[in-house]
Each structure stands twice: as C-alpha cells, then as structure tokens.
Amino acid sequence: MATFSTVMIVDILGWLPTKTLLHFKCVSKPWSSLIRDSDFVKLHLHNSFKTNANTKLILDGRTEDDEYKTYSIDFDSLGNLEELSRPCSIAKFGVSSRIFGSCNGLLAIFHDEAGFALWNPSTRTCHHLPKLTIGDVFDRDYENILGFGYNATGNDHKVVQMRPRNENGNGRLIFGLDLGAEEFHQVPESDISYRNFWYRSVGVLARNLCVFREYDDKDDVILWVMKEYGVKESWTEVAALSREEWWQPGFFYTRAIAYSRRGDRLLLEDGARPRQPAWFNLEKKTREILDVSGASKHFAAMVYVESLVSPVPIHQ
C-alpha cells in the first residue's frame, strides 16, 4: 500500500473545507494534532483567502416573533442555510446583542450583560473578553464605535472601542489605528471637486478601505474605495446611490458588504433597523432585495471565512 509523506498530507488537507477537517480530527491522534497546529491553521486560512473558498455570509437579526436568530449561508450560491447557536443568548426583553466585526474566521460580539466575546462559528468555540474600563459607554450601544482586527506583528486579535464626537454621526476626517503600535494616523482625502461632504460608514470592501460620502448639494451618497496603484494609493468612485432610486429607511447610513463572485453586483445594507440588505447592479444601477428563504426578513449581514483559528489567546 502506497504511503504519503507528511508534507503531502499537509498540502492536501490544507485545501479542504473547515468542517471536513473538523471531522478528520477523529481519524487519528497525529491528524488531530496536525489540524490543531498553529502553522497548519495559518496555512489553511491562507489557502481560503487565496482561492476565495469557505466564504460565508452571517445573517443576524430578529424574527417576526421578536427572537434573535443567527444564520450562516454560502456566499456564492446563497444556499446551505444553517442556524447558529449564539454564545450570548437573548433571554430577557430589552437585552440586545450584536456582531460588530469579522476577521480570520472569528466574529466579535457585544452583549448588553455578558460584554465582549470572540466566537468561531465553525469550531463552535468562544472566548469572553475582560470588560473594558472606559466607563458606562454602552448605555446607548449603537451610538458607539466598535472595531475588530488582527495584529500580525503580535499574532493577536484586538477589539477597539471609541466614543463618537459628533452626535449626528457625521465626519470629515478618517483615522486609522495601527493595531501593533496602537497609534492613530489620518487617512488622506480623495481629490474630488465636491467640498461640502460628510463621511458615512467607513468599512472594508474586497480588502480595500471604503467609505460612503453624502454631499450637501446632492441628494445621494457615493461609494469611494481606496485602491493601490503600484506604491501609490488613490480613491476611486465605485457607485452613486440616489435617494429617489434607492430609498430605504437608513439610506444615508448605507454600508458596503461585498462584491458578488463575478464582480458585477455589490451587496449593500441600508444601515437602519430593521435592516434589509440588497444587491446593487453596478451597470444597470438597480437594486434587488436579498431574500433568503428560511431566514428572517430583516437582518444585518457580514462576510466571514470559515477557519480553524481559535478565539482563545495563545498564552492561555
């Protein structure tokens, strides 16, 4: 019987779906040890990003019976809907919870009572973080800024929290935070003719910084994406949404989620509550509500990649 070298086994396993690998941990102790190995976890995640495989949508919202439900669904086909058991349940009226970040297969959650937690839906593991000591900033949770990212230098994931200075949610400056040095830096403005504008919903689209802008003299919002051209970065206008053609409750708080597989459509969320994501056809400038059979009608959507990454810090 032919045998495979360890290198070949690692190479083959590194391309398999996350759920398959979790089943394969039962094959033998060496395989279980391999699949848990940090280097293999990084290899598998790298392969997923390289091929755009294992990409899912997280759907998070309330049902008509006022229950919180969370689902995962294949991003490309919008099939294989699976309900997920949230680590922070909603058991009492008035208690809320939201997923506010996705990075390397981990989801960052805030719960009114339980605080912050990092959750890997694929491995069904969760790690509750120490409570932040900035004060009672979550009395009005949705008015606070929460971020989640990965520090490659320290090989660690970090949660970031800020108080917005403008009560209207507007801004004219964008600041980035270096998670390694924990230092802020200002992001340069785009070279455009409109000067009377406000920034809205800064985010990430296809690994590029993106932002919607609202203009005082135009009743619409425009999506700008910062792309690299050699060693230089430049802002590019991607889509313009008019209030007349794209009316939704939170029109001016629209958030970009992801491009479609073919790149001809853009998945957007209106930013209001209740939320109802929709596809925006980049050529026809039309929209189509994202209707997922079996899921709640209104939900927040977020892209994540299934991975083996553990939410528990390495030193624990």
C-alpha atoms as a PDB file:
ATOM      1  CA  MET A   1       0.000   0.000   0.000  1.00  0.00           C
ATOM      2  CA  ALA A   2       1.322   3.395  -1.002  1.00  0.00           C
ATOM      3  CA  THR A   3       2.030   5.877   1.789  1.00  0.00           C
ATOM      4  CA  PHE A   4       2.056   9.645   1.694  1.00  0.00           C
ATOM      5  CA  SER A   5       4.694  11.834   3.217  1.00  0.00           C
ATOM      6  CA  THR A   6       3.767  14.291   5.950  1.00  0.00           C
ATOM      7  CA  VAL A   7       4.405  17.162   3.542  1.00  0.00           C
ATOM      8  CA  MET A   8       1.921  15.736   1.029  1.00  0.00           C
ATOM      9  CA  ILE A   9      -0.700  15.152   3.723  1.00  0.00           C
ATOM     10  CA  VAL A  10      -0.356  18.713   4.987  1.00  0.00           C
ATOM     11  CA  ASP A  11      -0.617  20.054   1.431  1.00  0.00           C
ATOM     12  CA  ILE A  12      -3.783  18.044   0.690  1.00  0.00           C
ATOM     13  CA  LEU A  13      -5.510  18.768   3.975  1.00  0.00           C
ATOM     14  CA  GLY A  14      -4.705  22.464   3.712  1.00  0.00           C
ATOM     15  CA  TRP A  15      -7.183  22.851   0.831  1.00  0.00           C
ATOM     16  CA  LEU A  16     -10.138  21.055   2.399  1.00  0.00           C
ATOM     17  CA  PRO A  17     -13.261  22.735   3.872  1.00  0.00           C
ATOM     18  CA  THR A  18     -13.169  23.579   7.562  1.00  0.00           C
ATOM     19  CA  LYS A  19     -15.984  21.216   8.524  1.00  0.00           C
ATOM     20  CA  THR A  20     -14.258  18.309   6.768  1.00  0.00           C
ATOM     21  CA  LEU A  21     -11.086  18.956   8.721  1.00  0.00           C
ATOM     22  CA  LEU A  22     -13.000  19.012  11.986  1.00  0.00           C
ATOM     23  CA  HIS A  23     -14.328  15.540  11.165  1.00  0.00           C
ATOM     24  CA  PHE A  24     -10.837  14.377  10.191  1.00  0.00           C
ATOM     25  CA  LYS A  25      -9.555  15.166  13.689  1.00  0.00           C
ATOM     26  CA  CYS A  26     -11.125  11.848  14.678  1.00  0.00           C
ATOM     27  CA  VAL A  27      -9.071   9.854  12.155  1.00  0.00           C
ATOM     28  CA  SER A  28      -6.005   9.595  14.373  1.00  0.00           C
ATOM     29  CA  LYS A  29      -4.079  11.418  17.081  1.00  0.00           C
ATOM     30  CA  PRO A  30      -1.396  12.609  14.608  1.00  0.00           C
ATOM     31  CA  TRP A  31      -4.079  14.086  12.321  1.00  0.00           C
ATOM     32  CA  SER A  32      -5.834  15.710  15.268  1.00  0.00           C
ATOM     33  CA  SER A  33      -2.548  17.231  16.408  1.00  0.00           C
ATOM     34  CA  LEU A  34      -1.766  18.414  12.866  1.00  0.00           C
ATOM     35  CA  ILE A  35      -5.141  20.094  12.342  1.00  0.00           C
ATOM     36  CA  ARG A  36      -4.776  21.958  15.655  1.00  0.00           C
ATOM     37  CA  ASP A  37      -1.204  23.053  14.871  1.00  0.00           C
ATOM     38  CA  SER A  38      -0.896  26.841  14.566  1.00  0.00           C
ATOM     39  CA  ASP A  39       1.181  26.676  11.380  1.00  0.00           C
ATOM     40  CA  PHE A  40      -1.408  24.439   9.714  1.00  0.00           C
ATOM     41  CA  VAL A  41      -4.210  26.761  10.850  1.00  0.00           C
ATOM     42  CA  LYS A  42      -2.414  29.689   9.187  1.00  0.00           C
ATOM     43  CA  LEU A  43      -1.793  27.640   6.008  1.00  0.00           C
ATOM     44  CA  HIS A  44      -5.460  26.670   5.760  1.00  0.00           C
ATOM     45  CA  LEU A  45      -6.592  30.273   6.284  1.00  0.00           C
ATOM     46  CA  HIS A  46      -4.106  31.497   3.667  1.00  0.00           C
ATOM     47  CA  ASN A  47      -5.430  28.963   1.142  1.00  0.00           C
ATOM     48  CA  SER A  48      -9.011  30.042   1.824  1.00  0.00           C
ATOM     49  CA  PHE A  49      -8.160  33.693   1.143  1.00  0.00           C
ATOM     50  CA  LYS A  50      -6.131  32.741  -1.932  1.00  0.00           C
ATOM     51  CA  THR A  51      -8.977  30.810  -3.584  1.00  0.00           C
ATOM     52  CA  ASN A  52     -11.854  32.751  -2.034  1.00  0.00           C
ATOM     53  CA  ALA A  53     -13.104  29.448  -0.644  1.00  0.00           C
ATOM     54  CA  ASN A  54     -15.017  28.788   2.578  1.00  0.00           C
ATOM     55  CA  THR A  55     -16.635  32.228   2.312  1.00  0.00           C
ATOM     56  CA  LYS A  56     -19.916  32.617   4.163  1.00  0.00           C
ATOM     57  CA  LEU A  57     -22.458  35.287   4.986  1.00  0.00           C
ATOM     58  CA  ILE A  58     -23.540  35.727   8.571  1.00  0.00           C
ATOM     59  CA  LEU A  59     -27.185  36.810   8.831  1.00  0.00           C
ATOM     60  CA  ASP A  60     -28.081  38.271  12.197  1.00  0.00           C
ATOM     61  CA  GLY A  61     -31.483  39.665  13.100  1.00  0.00           C
ATOM     62  CA  ARG A  62     -34.890  39.353  14.714  1.00  0.00           C
ATOM     63  CA  THR A  63     -37.799  37.195  13.569  1.00  0.00           C
ATOM     64  CA  GLU A  64     -41.458  38.246  13.457  1.00  0.00           C
ATOM     65  CA  ASP A  65     -41.785  36.638  16.916  1.00  0.00           C
ATOM     66  CA  ASP A  66     -39.144  39.072  18.214  1.00  0.00           C
ATOM     67  CA  GLU A  67     -36.492  36.363  18.597  1.00  0.00           C
ATOM     68  CA  TYR A  68     -32.818  36.840  17.757  1.00  0.00           C
ATOM     69  CA  LYS A  69     -31.653  34.389  15.086  1.00  0.00           C
ATOM     70  CA  THR A  70     -28.226  33.948  13.535  1.00  0.00           C
ATOM     71  CA  TYR A  71     -27.549  32.012  10.324  1.00  0.00           C
ATOM     72  CA  SER A  72     -24.660  31.216   8.024  1.00  0.00           C
ATOM     73  CA  ILE A  73     -25.094  30.770   4.298  1.00  0.00           C
ATOM     74  CA  ASP A  74     -22.781  30.113   1.340  1.00  0.00           C
ATOM     75  CA  PHE A  75     -21.920  33.492  -0.141  1.00  0.00           C
ATOM     76  CA  ASP A  76     -21.724  32.412  -3.792  1.00  0.00           C
ATOM     77  CA  SER A  77     -24.867  30.293  -4.009  1.00  0.00           C
ATOM     78  CA  LEU A  78     -26.843  31.767  -1.101  1.00  0.00           C
ATOM     79  CA  GLY A  79     -27.642  28.162  -0.249  1.00  0.00           C
ATOM     80  CA  ASN A  80     -26.990  25.741   2.627  1.00  0.00           C
ATOM     81  CA  LEU A  81     -28.657  27.928   5.221  1.00  0.00           C
ATOM     82  CA  GLU A  82     -27.634  26.888   8.734  1.00  0.00           C
ATOM     83  CA  GLU A  83     -28.908  28.320  12.004  1.00  0.00           C
ATOM     84  CA  LEU A  84     -26.139  29.020  14.516  1.00  0.00           C
ATOM     85  CA  SER A  85     -26.337  28.873  18.277  1.00  0.00           C
ATOM     86  CA  ARG A  86     -25.081  32.221  19.552  1.00  0.00           C
ATOM     87  CA  PRO A  87     -22.757  32.048  22.589  1.00  0.00           C
ATOM     88  CA  CYS A  88     -24.527  35.071  24.111  1.00  0.00           C
ATOM     89  CA  SER A  89     -28.247  34.369  24.159  1.00  0.00           C
ATOM     90  CA  ILE A  90     -31.056  36.941  24.379  1.00  0.00           C
ATOM     91  CA  ALA A  91     -33.210  35.721  27.238  1.00  0.00           C
ATOM     92  CA  LYS A  92     -34.739  38.934  28.573  1.00  0.00           C
ATOM     93  CA  PHE A  93     -36.735  41.733  26.991  1.00  0.00           C
ATOM     94  CA  GLY A  94     -34.665  44.854  26.425  1.00  0.00           C
ATOM     95  CA  VAL A  95     -31.347  42.968  26.312  1.00  0.00           C
ATOM     96  CA  SER A  96     -29.602  43.217  22.945  1.00  0.00           C
ATOM     97  CA  SER A  97     -26.577  41.710  21.284  1.00  0.00           C
ATOM     98  CA  ARG A  98     -24.820  42.404  18.015  1.00  0.00           C
ATOM     99  CA  ILE A  99     -21.994  41.057  15.879  1.00  0.00           C
ATOM    100  CA  PHE A 100     -19.786  44.042  15.042  1.00  0.00           C
ATOM    101  CA  GLY A 101     -16.689  42.523  13.438  1.00  0.00           C
ATOM    102  CA  SER A 102     -15.368  39.638  11.357  1.00  0.00           C
ATOM    103  CA  CYS A 103     -11.709  38.699  10.949  1.00  0.00           C
ATOM    104  CA  ASN A 104      -9.928  35.444  10.059  1.00  0.00           C
ATOM    105  CA  GLY A 105     -12.993  33.332  10.802  1.00  0.00           C
ATOM    106  CA  LEU A 106     -13.668  34.958  14.177  1.00  0.00           C
ATOM    107  CA  LEU A 107     -16.714  37.086  14.947  1.00  0.00           C
ATOM    108  CA  ALA A 108     -16.661  39.828  17.574  1.00  0.00           C
ATOM    109  CA  ILE A 109     -19.861  40.092  19.623  1.00  0.00           C
ATOM    110  CA  PHE A 110     -21.122  42.624  22.113  1.00  0.00           C
ATOM    111  CA  HIS A 111     -23.851  41.659  24.606  1.00  0.00           C
ATOM    112  CA  ASP A 112     -25.512  44.123  27.000  1.00  0.00           C
ATOM    113  CA  GLU A 113     -24.907  41.901  30.010  1.00  0.00           C
ATOM    114  CA  ALA A 114     -22.119  39.481  29.017  1.00  0.00           C
ATOM    115  CA  GLY A 115     -19.870  42.114  27.425  1.00  0.00           C
ATOM    116  CA  PHE A 116     -17.466  41.246  24.597  1.00  0.00           C
ATOM    117  CA  ALA A 117     -16.744  37.801  23.172  1.00  0.00           C
ATOM    118  CA  LEU A 118     -14.814  36.331  20.233  1.00  0.00           C
ATOM    119  CA  TRP A 119     -16.611  33.453  18.543  1.00  0.00           C
ATOM    120  CA  ASN A 120     -15.617  30.935  15.868  1.00  0.00           C
ATOM    121  CA  PRO A 121     -18.921  29.546  14.489  1.00  0.00           C
ATOM    122  CA  SER A 122     -17.090  26.792  12.566  1.00  0.00           C
ATOM    123  CA  THR A 123     -15.365  25.245  15.574  1.00  0.00           C
ATOM    124  CA  ARG A 124     -18.129  26.365  17.986  1.00  0.00           C
ATOM    125  CA  THR A 125     -15.589  27.875  20.346  1.00  0.00           C
ATOM    126  CA  CYS A 126     -15.948  31.170  22.196  1.00  0.00           C
ATOM    127  CA  HIS A 127     -13.746  33.339  24.388  1.00  0.00           C
ATOM    128  CA  HIS A 128     -15.204  36.067  26.638  1.00  0.00           C
ATOM    129  CA  LEU A 129     -13.028  39.158  26.943  1.00  0.00           C
ATOM    130  CA  PRO A 130     -12.404  41.193  30.097  1.00  0.00           C
ATOM    131  CA  LYS A 131     -14.764  44.121  30.464  1.00  0.00           C
ATOM    132  CA  LEU A 132     -13.423  47.391  29.133  1.00  0.00           C
ATOM    133  CA  THR A 133     -12.875  50.119  31.716  1.00  0.00           C
ATOM    134  CA  ILE A 134     -13.744  53.252  29.762  1.00  0.00           C
ATOM    135  CA  GLY A 135     -16.961  53.867  31.693  1.00  0.00           C
ATOM    136  CA  ASP A 136     -20.617  53.216  31.063  1.00  0.00           C
ATOM    137  CA  VAL A 137     -20.346  53.737  27.322  1.00  0.00           C
ATOM    138  CA  PHE A 138     -22.894  51.106  26.390  1.00  0.00           C
ATOM    139  CA  ASP A 139     -25.995  52.737  27.778  1.00  0.00           C
ATOM    140  CA  ARG A 140     -26.614  53.693  24.159  1.00  0.00           C
ATOM    141  CA  ASP A 141     -24.623  50.978  22.475  1.00  0.00           C
ATOM    142  CA  TYR A 142     -25.476  51.689  18.833  1.00  0.00           C
ATOM    143  CA  GLU A 143     -24.069  55.212  19.118  1.00  0.00           C
ATOM    144  CA  ASN A 144     -20.599  53.889  19.968  1.00  0.00           C
ATOM    145  CA  ILE A 145     -17.909  52.828  17.540  1.00  0.00           C
ATOM    146  CA  LEU A 146     -16.617  49.270  17.847  1.00  0.00           C
ATOM    147  CA  GLY A 147     -13.883  47.731  15.737  1.00  0.00           C
ATOM    148  CA  PHE A 148     -12.181  44.364  15.427  1.00  0.00           C
ATOM    149  CA  GLY A 149      -8.945  43.430  13.676  1.00  0.00           C
ATOM    150  CA  TYR A 150      -5.778  41.356  13.577  1.00  0.00           C
ATOM    151  CA  ASN A 151      -2.309  42.432  14.671  1.00  0.00           C
ATOM    152  CA  ALA A 152       0.087  40.406  12.532  1.00  0.00           C
ATOM    153  CA  THR A 153       3.154  41.546  14.482  1.00  0.00           C
ATOM    154  CA  GLY A 154       1.871  40.233  17.792  1.00  0.00           C
ATOM    155  CA  ASN A 155      -0.232  37.441  16.220  1.00  0.00           C
ATOM    156  CA  ASP A 156      -3.245  38.635  18.184  1.00  0.00           C
ATOM    157  CA  HIS A 157      -6.794  39.868  17.567  1.00  0.00           C
ATOM    158  CA  LYS A 158      -7.923  43.127  19.137  1.00  0.00           C
ATOM    159  CA  VAL A 159     -11.237  44.826  19.913  1.00  0.00           C
ATOM    160  CA  VAL A 160     -11.310  48.623  19.686  1.00  0.00           C
ATOM    161  CA  GLN A 161     -13.891  50.948  21.228  1.00  0.00           C
ATOM    162  CA  MET A 162     -14.357  54.728  20.782  1.00  0.00           C
ATOM    163  CA  ARG A 163     -16.914  57.460  21.633  1.00  0.00           C
ATOM    164  CA  PRO A 164     -18.154  59.375  18.572  1.00  0.00           C
ATOM    165  CA  ARG A 165     -17.616  63.129  18.957  1.00  0.00           C
ATOM    166  CA  ASN A 166     -20.356  64.162  16.516  1.00  0.00           C
ATOM    167  CA  GLU A 167     -23.862  63.329  17.736  1.00  0.00           C
ATOM    168  CA  ASN A 168     -25.181  63.252  14.153  1.00  0.00           C
ATOM    169  CA  GLY A 169     -22.764  60.544  13.114  1.00  0.00           C
ATOM    170  CA  ASN A 170     -21.117  62.785  10.521  1.00  0.00           C
ATOM    171  CA  GLY A 171     -17.419  63.361   9.943  1.00  0.00           C
ATOM    172  CA  ARG A 172     -14.918  64.983   7.619  1.00  0.00           C
ATOM    173  CA  LEU A 173     -11.814  63.035   8.660  1.00  0.00           C
ATOM    174  CA  ILE A 174     -10.881  59.349   8.635  1.00  0.00           C
ATOM    175  CA  PHE A 175      -8.388  57.969  11.123  1.00  0.00           C
ATOM    176  CA  GLY A 176      -6.740  54.555  11.031  1.00  0.00           C
ATOM    177  CA  LEU A 177      -5.394  52.675  14.038  1.00  0.00           C
ATOM    178  CA  ASP A 178      -2.165  50.691  13.821  1.00  0.00           C
ATOM    179  CA  LEU A 179      -3.051  47.674  15.971  1.00  0.00           C
ATOM    180  CA  GLY A 180       0.608  46.825  16.537  1.00  0.00           C
ATOM    181  CA  ALA A 181       1.903  50.231  17.623  1.00  0.00           C
ATOM    182  CA  GLU A 182      -1.564  51.321  18.839  1.00  0.00           C
ATOM    183  CA  GLU A 183      -1.101  54.679  17.137  1.00  0.00           C
ATOM    184  CA  PHE A 184      -3.604  56.671  15.080  1.00  0.00           C
ATOM    185  CA  HIS A 185      -2.888  58.152  11.660  1.00  0.00           C
ATOM    186  CA  GLN A 186      -5.033  60.271   9.367  1.00  0.00           C
ATOM    187  CA  VAL A 187      -6.137  58.788   6.052  1.00  0.00           C
ATOM    188  CA  PRO A 188      -5.698  61.231   3.139  1.00  0.00           C
ATOM    189  CA  GLU A 189      -8.809  62.682   1.494  1.00  0.00           C
ATOM    190  CA  SER A 190      -9.693  61.931  -2.100  1.00  0.00           C
ATOM    191  CA  ASP A 191      -9.004  64.554  -4.763  1.00  0.00           C
ATOM    192  CA  ILE A 192     -12.549  65.418  -5.786  1.00  0.00           C
ATOM    193  CA  SER A 193     -14.458  68.518  -6.780  1.00  0.00           C
ATOM    194  CA  TYR A 194     -17.123  68.270  -4.079  1.00  0.00           C
ATOM    195  CA  ARG A 195     -16.019  70.030  -0.912  1.00  0.00           C
ATOM    196  CA  ASN A 196     -19.264  70.102   1.088  1.00  0.00           C
ATOM    197  CA  PHE A 197     -19.450  66.474   2.124  1.00  0.00           C
ATOM    198  CA  TRP A 198     -19.802  64.234   5.157  1.00  0.00           C
ATOM    199  CA  TYR A 199     -18.267  60.814   5.623  1.00  0.00           C
ATOM    200  CA  ARG A 200     -20.604  57.904   6.352  1.00  0.00           C
ATOM    201  CA  SER A 201     -19.998  54.244   7.281  1.00  0.00           C
ATOM    202  CA  VAL A 202     -16.278  53.656   6.769  1.00  0.00           C
ATOM    203  CA  GLY A 203     -15.540  49.984   6.121  1.00  0.00           C
ATOM    204  CA  VAL A 204     -13.647  47.392   4.109  1.00  0.00           C
ATOM    205  CA  LEU A 205     -14.623  46.160   0.641  1.00  0.00           C
ATOM    206  CA  ALA A 206     -12.593  43.398  -1.016  1.00  0.00           C
ATOM    207  CA  ARG A 207      -9.730  44.166   1.409  1.00  0.00           C
ATOM    208  CA  ASN A 208      -9.752  47.840   0.440  1.00  0.00           C
ATOM    209  CA  LEU A 209     -10.793  50.778   2.584  1.00  0.00           C
ATOM    210  CA  CYS A 210     -14.183  52.117   1.508  1.00  0.00           C
ATOM    211  CA  VAL A 211     -16.442  54.967   2.589  1.00  0.00           C
ATOM    212  CA  PHE A 212     -19.799  56.435   1.630  1.00  0.00           C
ATOM    213  CA  ARG A 213     -19.998  60.188   1.277  1.00  0.00           C
ATOM    214  CA  GLU A 214     -23.039  62.430   1.491  1.00  0.00           C
ATOM    215  CA  TYR A 215     -22.914  65.779  -0.323  1.00  0.00           C
ATOM    216  CA  ASP A 216     -24.787  68.894   0.760  1.00  0.00           C
ATOM    217  CA  ASP A 217     -25.812  69.811  -2.784  1.00  0.00           C
ATOM    218  CA  LYS A 218     -26.624  66.266  -3.968  1.00  0.00           C
ATOM    219  CA  ASP A 219     -29.415  64.116  -2.567  1.00  0.00           C
ATOM    220  CA  ASP A 220     -27.410  60.914  -2.757  1.00  0.00           C
ATOM    221  CA  VAL A 221     -24.464  59.042  -1.298  1.00  0.00           C
ATOM    222  CA  ILE A 222     -21.388  57.951  -3.239  1.00  0.00           C
ATOM    223  CA  LEU A 223     -19.170  54.958  -2.508  1.00  0.00           C
ATOM    224  CA  TRP A 224     -15.417  55.553  -2.716  1.00  0.00           C
ATOM    225  CA  VAL A 225     -12.780  52.815  -2.485  1.00  0.00           C
ATOM    226  CA  MET A 226      -9.083  53.321  -1.805  1.00  0.00           C
ATOM    227  CA  LYS A 227      -7.000  51.117  -4.118  1.00  0.00           C
ATOM    228  CA  GLU A 228      -3.275  50.640  -4.573  1.00  0.00           C
ATOM    229  CA  TYR A 229      -1.658  51.587  -7.879  1.00  0.00           C
ATOM    230  CA  GLY A 230       1.929  50.432  -7.588  1.00  0.00           C
ATOM    231  CA  VAL A 231       3.325  52.122  -4.494  1.00  0.00           C
ATOM    232  CA  LYS A 232       0.630  54.809  -4.513  1.00  0.00           C
ATOM    233  CA  GLU A 233      -2.877  54.684  -3.056  1.00  0.00           C
ATOM    234  CA  SER A 234      -5.782  56.516  -4.650  1.00  0.00           C
ATOM    235  CA  TRP A 235      -9.530  56.910  -4.091  1.00  0.00           C
ATOM    236  CA  THR A 236     -11.867  55.636  -6.814  1.00  0.00           C
ATOM    237  CA  GLU A 237     -15.594  56.290  -7.134  1.00  0.00           C
ATOM    238  CA  VAL A 238     -17.442  52.977  -7.415  1.00  0.00           C
ATOM    239  CA  ALA A 239     -21.170  53.657  -7.094  1.00  0.00           C
ATOM    240  CA  ALA A 240     -23.613  56.532  -6.655  1.00  0.00           C
ATOM    241  CA  LEU A 241     -26.943  55.861  -4.945  1.00  0.00           C
ATOM    242  CA  SER A 242     -29.744  58.398  -5.265  1.00  0.00           C
ATOM    243  CA  ARG A 243     -32.436  58.773  -2.625  1.00  0.00           C
ATOM    244  CA  GLU A 244     -35.127  58.662  -5.340  1.00  0.00           C
ATOM    245  CA  GLU A 245     -33.997  55.299  -6.752  1.00  0.00           C
ATOM    246  CA  TRP A 246     -32.578  53.690  -3.610  1.00  0.00           C
ATOM    247  CA  TRP A 247     -34.981  54.679  -0.873  1.00  0.00           C
ATOM    248  CA  GLN A 248     -34.622  52.667   2.322  1.00  0.00           C
ATOM    249  CA  PRO A 249     -35.034  53.707   5.994  1.00  0.00           C
ATOM    250  CA  GLY A 250     -31.313  54.191   6.620  1.00  0.00           C
ATOM    251  CA  PHE A 251     -30.336  55.392   3.153  1.00  0.00           C
ATOM    252  CA  PHE A 252     -27.629  57.782   4.357  1.00  0.00           C
ATOM    253  CA  TYR A 253     -26.064  55.083   6.530  1.00  0.00           C
ATOM    254  CA  THR A 254     -25.648  52.539   3.742  1.00  0.00           C
ATOM    255  CA  ARG A 255     -22.812  50.066   4.311  1.00  0.00           C
ATOM    256  CA  ALA A 256     -20.915  48.091   1.652  1.00  0.00           C
ATOM    257  CA  ILE A 257     -20.621  44.367   2.425  1.00  0.00           C
ATOM    258  CA  ALA A 258     -19.036  42.607  -0.570  1.00  0.00           C
ATOM    259  CA  TYR A 259     -18.848  42.231  -4.338  1.00  0.00           C
ATOM    260  CA  SER A 260     -20.600  39.303  -5.995  1.00  0.00           C
ATOM    261  CA  ARG A 261     -18.468  36.428  -7.315  1.00  0.00           C
ATOM    262  CA  ARG A 262     -18.489  37.911 -10.838  1.00  0.00           C
ATOM    263  CA  GLY A 263     -17.932  41.441  -9.579  1.00  0.00           C
ATOM    264  CA  ASP A 264     -20.966  42.855 -11.380  1.00  0.00           C
ATOM    265  CA  ARG A 265     -23.027  43.435  -8.236  1.00  0.00           C
ATOM    266  CA  LEU A 266     -22.423  44.914  -4.831  1.00  0.00           C
ATOM    267  CA  LEU A 267     -24.131  43.733  -1.656  1.00  0.00           C
ATOM    268  CA  LEU A 268     -25.235  46.719   0.433  1.00  0.00           C
ATOM    269  CA  GLU A 269     -27.002  47.192   3.745  1.00  0.00           C
ATOM    270  CA  ASP A 270     -29.173  50.201   4.473  1.00  0.00           C
ATOM    271  CA  GLY A 271     -27.729  50.635   7.961  1.00  0.00           C
ATOM    272  CA  ALA A 272     -31.089  51.153   9.668  1.00  0.00           C
ATOM    273  CA  ARG A 273     -33.083  48.921  11.962  1.00  0.00           C
ATOM    274  CA  PRO A 274     -34.740  46.730  10.788  1.00  0.00           C
ATOM    275  CA  ARG A 275     -32.097  46.076   8.167  1.00  0.00           C
ATOM    276  CA  GLN A 276     -32.655  44.543   4.752  1.00  0.00           C
ATOM    277  CA  PRO A 277     -29.547  44.053   2.562  1.00  0.00           C
ATOM    278  CA  ALA A 278     -29.855  44.372  -1.209  1.00  0.00           C
ATOM    279  CA  TRP A 279     -27.804  43.751  -4.346  1.00  0.00           C
ATOM    280  CA  PHE A 280     -26.812  46.839  -6.332  1.00  0.00           C
ATOM    281  CA  ASN A 281     -26.221  46.193 -10.041  1.00  0.00           C
ATOM    282  CA  LEU A 282     -23.149  48.277 -10.904  1.00  0.00           C
ATOM    283  CA  GLU A 283     -24.044  48.518 -14.614  1.00  0.00           C
ATOM    284  CA  LYS A 284     -27.822  48.921 -14.521  1.00  0.00           C
ATOM    285  CA  LYS A 285     -27.824  50.954 -11.273  1.00  0.00           C
ATOM    286  CA  THR A 286     -30.741  48.904  -9.958  1.00  0.00           C
ATOM    287  CA  ARG A 287     -31.314  47.121  -6.669  1.00  0.00           C
ATOM    288  CA  GLU A 288     -32.707  43.743  -5.672  1.00  0.00           C
ATOM    289  CA  ILE A 289     -33.577  42.928  -2.063  1.00  0.00           C
ATOM    290  CA  LEU A 290     -31.621  39.961  -0.677  1.00  0.00           C
ATOM    291  CA  ASP A 291     -34.324  37.431   0.145  1.00  0.00           C
ATOM    292  CA  VAL A 292     -33.052  34.260   1.814  1.00  0.00           C
ATOM    293  CA  SER A 293     -35.634  31.505   2.145  1.00  0.00           C
ATOM    294  CA  GLY A 294     -35.880  30.255   5.716  1.00  0.00           C
ATOM    295  CA  ALA A 295     -34.140  33.245   7.304  1.00  0.00           C
ATOM    296  CA  SER A 296     -35.529  36.348   8.961  1.00  0.00           C
ATOM    297  CA  LYS A 297     -36.840  39.072   6.661  1.00  0.00           C
ATOM    298  CA  HIS A 298     -34.729  41.777   8.281  1.00  0.00           C
ATOM    299  CA  PHE A 299     -31.137  41.117   9.268  1.00  0.00           C
ATOM    300  CA  ALA A 300     -27.641  42.513   9.370  1.00  0.00           C
ATOM    301  CA  ALA A 301     -25.223  40.775   7.003  1.00  0.00           C
ATOM    302  CA  MET A 302     -21.496  40.232   7.331  1.00  0.00           C
ATOM    303  CA  VAL A 303     -18.913  38.254   5.353  1.00  0.00           C
ATOM    304  CA  TYR A 304     -16.699  35.778   7.142  1.00  0.00           C
ATOM    305  CA  VAL A 305     -14.369  32.954   6.135  1.00  0.00           C
ATOM    306  CA  GLU A 306     -14.663  29.586   7.854  1.00  0.00           C
ATOM    307  CA  SER A 307     -11.397  28.815   9.615  1.00  0.00           C
ATOM    308  CA  LEU A 308      -9.715  26.813  12.361  1.00  0.00           C
ATOM    309  CA  VAL A 309      -8.476  29.940  14.149  1.00  0.00           C
ATOM    310  CA  SER A 310      -9.002  29.745  17.893  1.00  0.00           C
ATOM    311  CA  PRO A 311     -10.587  32.710  19.712  1.00  0.00           C
ATOM    312  CA  VAL A 312      -8.603  31.819  22.829  1.00  0.00           C
ATOM    313  CA  PRO A 313      -5.269  33.729  23.154  1.00  0.00           C
ATOM    314  CA  ILE A 314      -2.151  31.614  22.615  1.00  0.00           C
ATOM    315  CA  HIS A 315      -0.823  32.266  26.127  1.00  0.00           C
ATOM    316  CA  GLN A 316      -3.948  30.790  27.751  1.00  0.00           C
END
